[in-house]
């Protein structure tokens, strides 16, 4: 998954403004107690970050 696809999915799921807020504020245990942005900045594969977001929300990842 490309980063552009990740952000499109985030915006589809949360809306344009809340997607960035969620990514910068929500700490996910499945990402090593990091935020989405921290995980992406530290090189976590985009696909794994997306799956962590979906697992947190208990929604399908496709």
PDB file of N, CA and C in Angstrom:
ATOM      1  N   UNK A   1       0.844  -1.173   0.000  1.00  0.00           N
ATOM      2  CA  UNK A   1       0.000   0.000   0.000  1.00  0.00           C
ATOM      3  C   UNK A   1       0.891   1.239   0.000  1.00  0.00           C
ATOM      4  N   UNK A   2       0.550   2.181  -0.826  1.00  0.00           N
ATOM      5  CA  UNK A   2       1.271   3.455  -0.865  1.00  0.00           C
ATOM      6  C   UNK A   2       0.720   4.406   0.184  1.00  0.00           C
ATOM      7  N   UNK A   3       1.538   5.356   0.565  1.00  0.00           N
ATOM      8  CA  UNK A   3       1.137   6.327   1.570  1.00  0.00           C
ATOM      9  C   UNK A   3      -0.077   7.136   1.104  1.00  0.00           C
ATOM     10  N   UNK A   4      -0.141   7.458  -0.180  1.00  0.00           N
ATOM     11  CA  UNK A   4      -1.301   8.203  -0.693  1.00  0.00           C
ATOM     12  C   UNK A   4      -2.592   7.400  -0.533  1.00  0.00           C
ATOM     13  N   UNK A   5      -2.525   6.090  -0.748  1.00  0.00           N
ATOM     14  CA  UNK A   5      -3.689   5.228  -0.561  1.00  0.00           C
ATOM     15  C   UNK A   5      -4.073   5.169   0.923  1.00  0.00           C
ATOM     16  N   UNK A   6      -3.074   5.099   1.784  1.00  0.00           N
ATOM     17  CA  UNK A   6      -3.322   5.099   3.225  1.00  0.00           C
ATOM     18  C   UNK A   6      -4.109   6.342   3.628  1.00  0.00           C
ATOM     19  N   UNK A   7      -3.648   7.525   3.199  1.00  0.00           N
ATOM     20  CA  UNK A   7      -4.329   8.766   3.581  1.00  0.00           C
ATOM     21  C   UNK A   7      -5.719   8.874   2.963  1.00  0.00           C
ATOM     22  N   UNK A   8      -5.891   8.344   1.771  1.00  0.00           N
ATOM     23  CA  UNK A   8      -7.226   8.331   1.171  1.00  0.00           C
ATOM     24  C   UNK A   8      -8.171   7.482   2.013  1.00  0.00           C
ATOM     25  N   UNK A   9      -7.694   6.328   2.444  1.00  0.00           N
ATOM     26  CA  UNK A   9      -8.526   5.456   3.281  1.00  0.00           C
ATOM     27  C   UNK A   9      -8.808   6.102   4.639  1.00  0.00           C
ATOM     28  N   UNK A  10      -7.806   6.733   5.208  1.00  0.00           N
ATOM     29  CA  UNK A  10      -8.003   7.416   6.488  1.00  0.00           C
ATOM     30  C   UNK A  10      -9.060   8.509   6.339  1.00  0.00           C
ATOM     31  N   UNK A  11      -8.969   9.304   5.278  1.00  0.00           N
ATOM     32  CA  UNK A  11      -9.927  10.382   5.053  1.00  0.00           C
ATOM     33  C   UNK A  11     -11.321   9.834   4.748  1.00  0.00           C
ATOM     34  N   UNK A  12     -11.395   8.722   4.041  1.00  0.00           N
ATOM     35  CA  UNK A  12     -12.697   8.092   3.792  1.00  0.00           C
ATOM     36  C   UNK A  12     -13.321   7.621   5.103  1.00  0.00           C
ATOM     37  N   UNK A  13     -12.490   7.083   5.974  1.00  0.00           N
ATOM     38  CA  UNK A  13     -12.978   6.524   7.236  1.00  0.00           C
ATOM     39  C   UNK A  13     -13.329   7.599   8.256  1.00  0.00           C
ATOM     40  N   UNK A  14     -12.486   8.652   8.352  1.00  0.00           N
ATOM     41  CA  UNK A  14     -12.625   9.649   9.418  1.00  0.00           C
ATOM     42  C   UNK A  14     -13.044  11.041   8.960  1.00  0.00           C
ATOM     43  N   UNK A  15     -12.926  11.313   7.669  1.00  0.00           N
ATOM     44  CA  UNK A  15     -13.096  12.675   7.183  1.00  0.00           C
ATOM     45  C   UNK A  15     -11.724  13.342   7.095  1.00  0.00           C
ATOM     46  N   UNK A  16     -11.629  14.362   6.292  1.00  0.00           N
ATOM     47  CA  UNK A  16     -10.339  14.993   6.011  1.00  0.00           C
ATOM     48  C   UNK A  16      -9.683  15.540   7.278  1.00  0.00           C
ATOM     49  N   UNK A  17     -10.399  16.280   8.079  1.00  0.00           N
ATOM     50  CA  UNK A  17      -9.792  16.909   9.255  1.00  0.00           C
ATOM     51  C   UNK A  17      -9.509  15.914  10.374  1.00  0.00           C
ATOM     52  N   UNK A  18     -10.439  15.033  10.660  1.00  0.00           N
ATOM     53  CA  UNK A  18     -10.247  14.124  11.785  1.00  0.00           C
ATOM     54  C   UNK A  18      -9.197  13.057  11.491  1.00  0.00           C
ATOM     55  N   UNK A  19      -8.988  12.712  10.232  1.00  0.00           N
ATOM     56  CA  UNK A  19      -7.975  11.711   9.880  1.00  0.00           C
ATOM     57  C   UNK A  19      -6.603  12.144  10.380  1.00  0.00           C
ATOM     58  N   UNK A  20      -6.255  13.397  10.170  1.00  0.00           N
ATOM     59  CA  UNK A  20      -4.942  13.905  10.616  1.00  0.00           C
ATOM     60  C   UNK A  20      -4.900  13.996  12.133  1.00  0.00           C
ATOM     61  N   UNK A  21      -5.986  14.372  12.739  1.00  0.00           N
ATOM     62  CA  UNK A  21      -6.042  14.458  14.195  1.00  0.00           C
ATOM     63  C   UNK A  21      -5.872  13.072  14.815  1.00  0.00           C
ATOM     64  N   UNK A  22      -6.599  12.096  14.304  1.00  0.00           N
ATOM     65  CA  UNK A  22      -6.477  10.726  14.787  1.00  0.00           C
ATOM     66  C   UNK A  22      -5.041  10.254  14.649  1.00  0.00           C
ATOM     67  N   UNK A  23      -4.457  10.503  13.495  1.00  0.00           N
ATOM     68  CA  UNK A  23      -3.093  10.032  13.222  1.00  0.00           C
ATOM     69  C   UNK A  23      -2.055  10.663  14.146  1.00  0.00           C
ATOM     70  N   UNK A  24      -2.280  11.873  14.547  1.00  0.00           N
ATOM     71  CA  UNK A  24      -1.283  12.545  15.389  1.00  0.00           C
ATOM     72  C   UNK A  24      -1.547  12.377  16.876  1.00  0.00           C
ATOM     73  N   UNK A  25      -2.769  12.039  17.266  1.00  0.00           N
ATOM     74  CA  UNK A  25      -3.120  12.003  18.690  1.00  0.00           C
ATOM     75  C   UNK A  25      -3.341  10.608  19.271  1.00  0.00           C
ATOM     76  N   UNK A  26      -3.850   9.680  18.491  1.00  0.00           N
ATOM     77  CA  UNK A  26      -4.222   8.371  19.018  1.00  0.00           C
ATOM     78  C   UNK A  26      -3.002   7.460  19.125  1.00  0.00           C
ATOM     79  N   UNK A  27      -2.693   7.021  20.326  1.00  0.00           N
ATOM     80  CA  UNK A  27      -1.591   6.096  20.577  1.00  0.00           C
ATOM     81  C   UNK A  27      -2.148   4.678  20.514  1.00  0.00           C
ATOM     82  N   UNK A  28      -1.550   3.849  19.685  1.00  0.00           N
ATOM     83  CA  UNK A  28      -2.030   2.482  19.496  1.00  0.00           C
ATOM     84  C   UNK A  28      -1.012   1.484  20.046  1.00  0.00           C
ATOM     85  N   UNK A  29      -1.478   0.617  20.906  1.00  0.00           N
ATOM     86  CA  UNK A  29      -0.602  -0.397  21.494  1.00  0.00           C
ATOM     87  C   UNK A  29       0.006  -1.285  20.422  1.00  0.00           C
ATOM     88  N   UNK A  30      -0.774  -1.586  19.384  1.00  0.00           N
ATOM     89  CA  UNK A  30      -0.282  -2.466  18.315  1.00  0.00           C
ATOM     90  C   UNK A  30       0.817  -1.819  17.475  1.00  0.00           C
ATOM     91  N   UNK A  31       1.014  -0.541  17.656  1.00  0.00           N
ATOM     92  CA  UNK A  31       2.119   0.160  16.982  1.00  0.00           C
ATOM     93  C   UNK A  31       3.254   0.453  17.965  1.00  0.00           C
ATOM     94  N   UNK A  32       3.308  -0.316  19.029  1.00  0.00           N
ATOM     95  CA  UNK A  32       4.355  -0.111  20.012  1.00  0.00           C
ATOM     96  C   UNK A  32       4.127   1.127  20.852  1.00  0.00           C
ATOM     97  N   UNK A  33       2.878   1.406  21.138  1.00  0.00           N
ATOM     98  CA  UNK A  33       2.483   2.602  21.910  1.00  0.00           C
ATOM     99  C   UNK A  33       2.963   3.885  21.238  1.00  0.00           C
ATOM    100  N   UNK A  34       2.821   3.901  19.929  1.00  0.00           N
ATOM    101  CA  UNK A  34       3.132   5.094  19.125  1.00  0.00           C
ATOM    102  C   UNK A  34       1.870   5.559  18.427  1.00  0.00           C
ATOM    103  N   UNK A  35       1.895   6.811  17.988  1.00  0.00           N
ATOM    104  CA  UNK A  35       0.808   7.304  17.158  1.00  0.00           C
ATOM    105  C   UNK A  35       1.016   6.800  15.736  1.00  0.00           C
ATOM    106  N   UNK A  36      -0.012   6.954  14.920  1.00  0.00           N
ATOM    107  CA  UNK A  36       0.091   6.587  13.509  1.00  0.00           C
ATOM    108  C   UNK A  36       1.228   7.363  12.849  1.00  0.00           C
ATOM    109  N   UNK A  37       1.282   8.667  13.096  1.00  0.00           N
ATOM    110  CA  UNK A  37       2.334   9.478  12.479  1.00  0.00           C
ATOM    111  C   UNK A  37       3.718   9.066  12.944  1.00  0.00           C
ATOM    112  N   UNK A  38       3.869   8.781  14.225  1.00  0.00           N
ATOM    113  CA  UNK A  38       5.165   8.329  14.731  1.00  0.00           C
ATOM    114  C   UNK A  38       5.581   7.025  14.061  1.00  0.00           C
ATOM    115  N   UNK A  39       4.653   6.095  13.962  1.00  0.00           N
ATOM    116  CA  UNK A  39       4.963   4.805  13.345  1.00  0.00           C
ATOM    117  C   UNK A  39       5.373   4.987  11.879  1.00  0.00           C
ATOM    118  N   UNK A  40       4.641   5.806  11.150  1.00  0.00           N
ATOM    119  CA  UNK A  40       4.993   6.057   9.753  1.00  0.00           C
ATOM    120  C   UNK A  40       6.339   6.759   9.649  1.00  0.00           C
ATOM    121  N   UNK A  41       6.572   7.762  10.479  1.00  0.00           N
ATOM    122  CA  UNK A  41       7.846   8.504  10.456  1.00  0.00           C
ATOM    123  C   UNK A  41       9.033   7.614  10.799  1.00  0.00           C
ATOM    124  N   UNK A  42       8.786   6.587  11.615  1.00  0.00           N
ATOM    125  CA  UNK A  42       9.858   5.688  12.029  1.00  0.00           C
ATOM    126  C   UNK A  42      10.008   4.482  11.109  1.00  0.00           C
ATOM    127  N   UNK A  43       9.307   4.508   9.978  1.00  0.00           N
ATOM    128  CA  UNK A  43       9.500   3.487   8.952  1.00  0.00           C
ATOM    129  C   UNK A  43       8.635   2.250   9.040  1.00  0.00           C
ATOM    130  N   UNK A  44       7.624   2.274   9.900  1.00  0.00           N
ATOM    131  CA  UNK A  44       6.702   1.135   9.969  1.00  0.00           C
ATOM    132  C   UNK A  44       6.023   1.002   8.603  1.00  0.00           C
ATOM    133  N   UNK A  45       5.918  -0.209   8.061  1.00  0.00           N
ATOM    134  CA  UNK A  45       5.250  -0.372   6.767  1.00  0.00           C
ATOM    135  C   UNK A  45       3.819   0.182   6.808  1.00  0.00           C
ATOM    136  N   UNK A  46       3.472   0.902   5.766  1.00  0.00           N
ATOM    137  CA  UNK A  46       2.166   1.564   5.691  1.00  0.00           C
ATOM    138  C   UNK A  46       1.036   0.551   5.857  1.00  0.00           C
ATOM    139  N   UNK A  47       1.167  -0.581   5.232  1.00  0.00           N
ATOM    140  CA  UNK A  47       0.142  -1.628   5.315  1.00  0.00           C
ATOM    141  C   UNK A  47      -0.070  -2.071   6.766  1.00  0.00           C
ATOM    142  N   UNK A  48       1.021  -2.194   7.517  1.00  0.00           N
ATOM    143  CA  UNK A  48       0.919  -2.601   8.918  1.00  0.00           C
ATOM    144  C   UNK A  48       0.255  -1.522   9.765  1.00  0.00           C
ATOM    145  N   UNK A  49       0.539  -0.272   9.451  1.00  0.00           N
ATOM    146  CA  UNK A  49      -0.091   0.829  10.185  1.00  0.00           C
ATOM    147  C   UNK A  49      -1.587   0.837   9.900  1.00  0.00           C
ATOM    148  N   UNK A  50      -1.966   0.650   8.647  1.00  0.00           N
ATOM    149  CA  UNK A  50      -3.387   0.611   8.300  1.00  0.00           C
ATOM    150  C   UNK A  50      -4.086  -0.535   9.037  1.00  0.00           C
ATOM    151  N   UNK A  51      -3.458  -1.685   9.082  1.00  0.00           N
ATOM    152  CA  UNK A  51      -4.057  -2.828   9.788  1.00  0.00           C
ATOM    153  C   UNK A  51      -4.191  -2.541  11.278  1.00  0.00           C
ATOM    154  N   UNK A  52      -3.239  -1.832  11.855  1.00  0.00           N
ATOM    155  CA  UNK A  52      -3.317  -1.466  13.274  1.00  0.00           C
ATOM    156  C   UNK A  52      -4.491  -0.521  13.524  1.00  0.00           C
ATOM    157  N   UNK A  53      -4.697   0.433  12.618  1.00  0.00           N
ATOM    158  CA  UNK A  53      -5.835   1.355  12.744  1.00  0.00           C
ATOM    159  C   UNK A  53      -7.138   0.561  12.676  1.00  0.00           C
ATOM    160  N   UNK A  54      -7.237  -0.332  11.717  1.00  0.00           N
ATOM    161  CA  UNK A  54      -8.460  -1.126  11.560  1.00  0.00           C
ATOM    162  C   UNK A  54      -8.688  -2.039  12.760  1.00  0.00           C
ATOM    163  N   UNK A  55      -7.627  -2.631  13.284  1.00  0.00           N
ATOM    164  CA  UNK A  55      -7.762  -3.489  14.458  1.00  0.00           C
ATOM    165  C   UNK A  55      -8.246  -2.676  15.655  1.00  0.00           C
ATOM    166  N   UNK A  56      -7.716  -1.471  15.805  1.00  0.00           N
ATOM    167  CA  UNK A  56      -8.135  -0.599  16.904  1.00  0.00           C
ATOM    168  C   UNK A  56      -9.620  -0.270  16.804  1.00  0.00           C
ATOM    169  N   UNK A  57     -10.093  -0.074  15.591  1.00  0.00           N
ATOM    170  CA  UNK A  57     -11.491   0.268  15.359  1.00  0.00           C
ATOM    171  C   UNK A  57     -12.393  -0.954  15.213  1.00  0.00           C
ATOM    172  N   UNK A  58     -11.769  -2.133  15.193  1.00  0.00           N
ATOM    173  CA  UNK A  58     -12.493  -3.385  14.996  1.00  0.00           C
ATOM    174  C   UNK A  58     -13.311  -3.352  13.704  1.00  0.00           C
ATOM    175  N   UNK A  59     -12.635  -2.952  12.622  1.00  0.00           N
ATOM    176  CA  UNK A  59     -13.257  -2.903  11.299  1.00  0.00           C
ATOM    177  C   UNK A  59     -12.389  -3.660  10.302  1.00  0.00           C
ATOM    178  N   UNK A  60     -12.944  -4.100   9.190  1.00  0.00           N
ATOM    179  CA  UNK A  60     -12.156  -4.779   8.163  1.00  0.00           C
ATOM    180  C   UNK A  60     -11.069  -3.865   7.616  1.00  0.00           C
ATOM    181  N   UNK A  61      -9.942  -4.434   7.221  1.00  0.00           N
ATOM    182  CA  UNK A  61      -8.841  -3.621   6.723  1.00  0.00           C
ATOM    183  C   UNK A  61      -8.803  -3.465   5.206  1.00  0.00           C
ATOM    184  N   UNK A  62      -9.801  -3.927   4.513  1.00  0.00           N
ATOM    185  CA  UNK A  62      -9.815  -3.727   3.051  1.00  0.00           C
ATOM    186  C   UNK A  62     -10.702  -2.603   2.650  1.00  0.00           C
TER     187      UNK A  62
END
